[in-house]
Amino acid sequence: MSDTRVTVEVYDGSPGRPGVRSLTTWGESGRGLAMVRYLAERFGIDPVDGGGNRVHAVPAL
């Protein structure tokens, strides 16, 4: 087994900081960060110079 971990990163140009929303049965959006939080060993959100956000996550094994 290796000590190497994969980090997944995505960027968005949104001026607001993303957040984990409360999930509802009939909601049609807002599940992305909840899924990342559930599947990741760790994750974070960093602002990007010039605007936007970078979400990074290390998937759980």
C-alpha atoms as a PDB file:
ATOM      1  CA  MET A   1       0.000   0.000   0.000  1.00  0.00           C
ATOM      2  CA  SER A   2       1.249   3.495  -0.830  1.00  0.00           C
ATOM      3  CA  ASP A   3       1.367   6.643   1.306  1.00  0.00           C
ATOM      4  CA  THR A   4       0.337   8.662  -1.743  1.00  0.00           C
ATOM      5  CA  ARG A   5      -3.056  10.388  -1.658  1.00  0.00           C
ATOM      6  CA  VAL A   6      -5.076  11.907  -4.470  1.00  0.00           C
ATOM      7  CA  THR A   7      -6.292  15.474  -4.067  1.00  0.00           C
ATOM      8  CA  VAL A   8      -9.232  16.638  -6.173  1.00  0.00           C
ATOM      9  CA  GLU A   9      -9.608  20.377  -6.805  1.00  0.00           C
ATOM     10  CA  VAL A  10     -12.290  22.419  -8.505  1.00  0.00           C
ATOM     11  CA  TYR A  11     -12.514  26.152  -9.114  1.00  0.00           C
ATOM     12  CA  ASP A  12     -15.472  28.452  -9.481  1.00  0.00           C
ATOM     13  CA  GLY A  13     -15.564  32.138 -10.300  1.00  0.00           C
ATOM     14  CA  SER A  14     -18.340  32.932  -7.846  1.00  0.00           C
ATOM     15  CA  PRO A  15     -17.741  35.976  -5.648  1.00  0.00           C
ATOM     16  CA  GLY A  16     -19.467  34.293  -2.664  1.00  0.00           C
ATOM     17  CA  ARG A  17     -17.974  31.593  -0.501  1.00  0.00           C
ATOM     18  CA  PRO A  18     -19.663  28.204  -1.041  1.00  0.00           C
ATOM     19  CA  GLY A  19     -21.123  26.386   1.921  1.00  0.00           C
ATOM     20  CA  VAL A  20     -22.730  23.065   2.752  1.00  0.00           C
ATOM     21  CA  ARG A  21     -26.498  23.520   2.549  1.00  0.00           C
ATOM     22  CA  SER A  22     -29.163  21.706   4.505  1.00  0.00           C
ATOM     23  CA  LEU A  23     -30.469  18.906   2.312  1.00  0.00           C
ATOM     24  CA  THR A  24     -34.146  18.546   1.525  1.00  0.00           C
ATOM     25  CA  THR A  25     -36.026  15.692  -0.068  1.00  0.00           C
ATOM     26  CA  TRP A  26     -37.204  17.730  -3.046  1.00  0.00           C
ATOM     27  CA  GLY A  27     -34.257  20.120  -3.485  1.00  0.00           C
ATOM     28  CA  GLU A  28     -32.812  20.151  -6.988  1.00  0.00           C
ATOM     29  CA  SER A  29     -29.451  21.743  -6.225  1.00  0.00           C
ATOM     30  CA  GLY A  30     -26.978  22.341  -3.427  1.00  0.00           C
ATOM     31  CA  ARG A  31     -25.826  18.769  -2.899  1.00  0.00           C
ATOM     32  CA  GLY A  32     -22.266  19.069  -4.237  1.00  0.00           C
ATOM     33  CA  LEU A  33     -20.401  20.114  -1.099  1.00  0.00           C
ATOM     34  CA  ALA A  34     -22.500  17.806   1.071  1.00  0.00           C
ATOM     35  CA  MET A  35     -21.405  14.876  -1.112  1.00  0.00           C
ATOM     36  CA  VAL A  36     -17.771  16.008  -1.025  1.00  0.00           C
ATOM     37  CA  ARG A  37     -17.878  16.327   2.773  1.00  0.00           C
ATOM     38  CA  TYR A  38     -19.402  12.859   3.087  1.00  0.00           C
ATOM     39  CA  LEU A  39     -16.935  11.138   0.718  1.00  0.00           C
ATOM     40  CA  ALA A  40     -13.750  12.983   1.677  1.00  0.00           C
ATOM     41  CA  GLU A  41     -11.273  12.261   4.396  1.00  0.00           C
ATOM     42  CA  ARG A  42     -10.733  16.028   4.486  1.00  0.00           C
ATOM     43  CA  PHE A  43     -11.713  19.019   2.389  1.00  0.00           C
ATOM     44  CA  GLY A  44     -11.342  22.777   2.377  1.00  0.00           C
ATOM     45  CA  ILE A  45     -12.373  25.934   0.580  1.00  0.00           C
ATOM     46  CA  ASP A  46      -9.854  28.653  -0.251  1.00  0.00           C
ATOM     47  CA  PRO A  47     -10.459  32.047  -1.850  1.00  0.00           C
ATOM     48  CA  VAL A  48      -8.572  32.608  -5.109  1.00  0.00           C
ATOM     49  CA  ASP A  49      -6.703  35.856  -5.803  1.00  0.00           C
ATOM     50  CA  GLY A  50      -8.686  37.815  -8.350  1.00  0.00           C
ATOM     51  CA  GLY A  51     -11.990  36.207  -7.309  1.00  0.00           C
ATOM     52  CA  GLY A  52     -13.552  32.813  -6.998  1.00  0.00           C
ATOM     53  CA  ASN A  53     -12.948  29.790  -4.813  1.00  0.00           C
ATOM     54  CA  ARG A  54     -10.927  26.586  -4.873  1.00  0.00           C
ATOM     55  CA  VAL A  55     -12.473  23.529  -3.251  1.00  0.00           C
ATOM     56  CA  HIS A  56      -9.999  20.728  -2.537  1.00  0.00           C
ATOM     57  CA  ALA A  57     -10.663  17.289  -1.129  1.00  0.00           C
ATOM     58  CA  VAL A  58      -8.809  14.092  -0.319  1.00  0.00           C
ATOM     59  CA  PRO A  59     -11.170  11.148  -0.911  1.00  0.00           C
ATOM     60  CA  ALA A  60     -11.487   8.647   1.941  1.00  0.00           C
ATOM     61  CA  LEU A  61     -10.044   5.236   1.233  1.00  0.00           C
END
